[in-house]
Amino acid sequence: MQVPVSRQAAVELFFKSASPPEINHRMHNEVLITRLEVAIG
């Protein structure tokens, strides 16, 4: 069974574990906005 990971937790883990060159390689100035649907109940 896999445990769901929040996007926030995934991003925080990336910044904690990635090297500075890896972070620089993946960062850019674009802002992307997406929709997120969640089921409640």
N, C-alpha and C. Protein backbone atom coordinates (compact mmCIF):
# COMPACT_ATOMS: atom_id res chain seq x y z
N MET A 1 0.84 -1.18 0.00
CA MET A 1 0.00 0.00 0.00
C MET A 1 0.88 1.24 0.00
N GLN A 2 0.59 2.18 -0.89
CA GLN A 2 1.34 3.43 -0.94
C GLN A 2 0.63 4.50 -0.13
N VAL A 3 1.40 5.30 0.56
CA VAL A 3 0.85 6.41 1.34
C VAL A 3 0.85 7.65 0.47
N PRO A 4 -0.30 8.32 0.32
CA PRO A 4 -0.32 9.54 -0.48
C PRO A 4 0.57 10.62 0.14
N VAL A 5 1.27 11.35 -0.72
CA VAL A 5 2.14 12.44 -0.26
C VAL A 5 1.57 13.74 -0.81
N SER A 6 1.45 14.73 0.04
CA SER A 6 0.93 16.01 -0.41
C SER A 6 1.97 16.69 -1.30
N ARG A 7 1.50 17.56 -2.16
CA ARG A 7 2.42 18.32 -3.01
C ARG A 7 3.37 19.14 -2.16
N GLN A 8 2.84 19.73 -1.10
CA GLN A 8 3.68 20.55 -0.22
C GLN A 8 4.79 19.71 0.37
N ALA A 9 4.47 18.52 0.86
CA ALA A 9 5.49 17.66 1.45
C ALA A 9 6.52 17.24 0.40
N ALA A 10 6.07 16.98 -0.81
CA ALA A 10 6.99 16.59 -1.88
C ALA A 10 7.96 17.71 -2.22
N VAL A 11 7.45 18.94 -2.29
CA VAL A 11 8.31 20.09 -2.60
C VAL A 11 9.30 20.33 -1.46
N GLU A 12 8.82 20.24 -0.22
CA GLU A 12 9.71 20.43 0.92
C GLU A 12 10.82 19.38 0.93
N LEU A 13 10.48 18.14 0.64
CA LEU A 13 11.48 17.07 0.59
C LEU A 13 12.50 17.33 -0.51
N PHE A 14 12.03 17.80 -1.67
CA PHE A 14 12.96 18.12 -2.76
C PHE A 14 13.98 19.16 -2.31
N PHE A 15 13.51 20.26 -1.69
CA PHE A 15 14.43 21.31 -1.28
C PHE A 15 15.38 20.86 -0.17
N LYS A 16 14.95 19.91 0.66
CA LYS A 16 15.82 19.41 1.72
C LYS A 16 16.88 18.45 1.18
N SER A 17 16.55 17.71 0.11
CA SER A 17 17.45 16.65 -0.32
C SER A 17 18.23 16.94 -1.61
N ALA A 18 17.76 17.86 -2.43
CA ALA A 18 18.42 18.13 -3.71
C ALA A 18 19.67 18.98 -3.51
N SER A 19 20.62 18.78 -4.40
CA SER A 19 21.83 19.59 -4.37
C SER A 19 21.53 20.97 -4.96
N PRO A 20 22.32 21.98 -4.61
CA PRO A 20 22.10 23.31 -5.20
C PRO A 20 22.08 23.31 -6.73
N PRO A 21 22.97 22.58 -7.42
CA PRO A 21 22.89 22.56 -8.88
C PRO A 21 21.58 21.95 -9.39
N GLU A 22 21.07 20.93 -8.71
CA GLU A 22 19.81 20.31 -9.11
C GLU A 22 18.65 21.29 -8.92
N ILE A 23 18.65 22.01 -7.82
CA ILE A 23 17.60 23.01 -7.57
C ILE A 23 17.65 24.10 -8.65
N ASN A 24 18.84 24.61 -8.94
CA ASN A 24 18.98 25.64 -9.97
C ASN A 24 18.52 25.15 -11.33
N HIS A 25 18.80 23.89 -11.63
CA HIS A 25 18.42 23.30 -12.92
C HIS A 25 16.90 23.24 -13.07
N ARG A 26 16.21 22.96 -11.99
CA ARG A 26 14.75 22.77 -12.04
C ARG A 26 13.94 24.04 -11.81
N MET A 27 14.56 25.09 -11.29
CA MET A 27 13.82 26.33 -11.01
C MET A 27 13.69 27.17 -12.28
N HIS A 28 12.58 27.87 -12.39
CA HIS A 28 12.37 28.79 -13.50
C HIS A 28 11.42 29.89 -13.04
N ASN A 29 11.22 30.89 -13.85
CA ASN A 29 10.42 32.05 -13.46
C ASN A 29 8.95 31.93 -13.79
N GLU A 30 8.53 30.86 -14.44
CA GLU A 30 7.13 30.70 -14.79
C GLU A 30 6.30 30.35 -13.55
N VAL A 31 5.08 30.83 -13.54
CA VAL A 31 4.14 30.48 -12.47
C VAL A 31 3.04 29.66 -13.10
N LEU A 32 2.83 28.47 -12.60
CA LEU A 32 1.78 27.60 -13.13
C LEU A 32 0.70 27.44 -12.07
N ILE A 33 -0.53 27.58 -12.49
CA ILE A 33 -1.67 27.41 -11.59
C ILE A 33 -2.51 26.26 -12.12
N THR A 34 -2.80 25.33 -11.24
CA THR A 34 -3.62 24.19 -11.66
C THR A 34 -4.80 24.02 -10.72
N ARG A 35 -5.78 23.30 -11.20
CA ARG A 35 -6.94 22.96 -10.38
C ARG A 35 -6.66 21.67 -9.63
N LEU A 36 -7.23 21.56 -8.48
CA LEU A 36 -7.08 20.36 -7.68
C LEU A 36 -8.45 19.96 -7.17
N GLU A 37 -8.89 18.76 -7.55
CA GLU A 37 -10.17 18.28 -7.07
C GLU A 37 -9.94 17.31 -5.94
N VAL A 38 -10.71 17.44 -4.89
CA VAL A 38 -10.61 16.52 -3.76
C VAL A 38 -11.99 16.01 -3.40
N ALA A 39 -12.05 14.75 -3.01
CA ALA A 39 -13.31 14.16 -2.54
C ALA A 39 -13.36 14.32 -1.03
N ILE A 40 -14.48 14.79 -0.54
CA ILE A 40 -14.66 14.96 0.89
C ILE A 40 -15.81 14.06 1.33
N GLY A 41 -15.51 13.22 2.31
CA GLY A 41 -16.53 12.35 2.86
C GLY A 41 -16.68 11.02 2.21
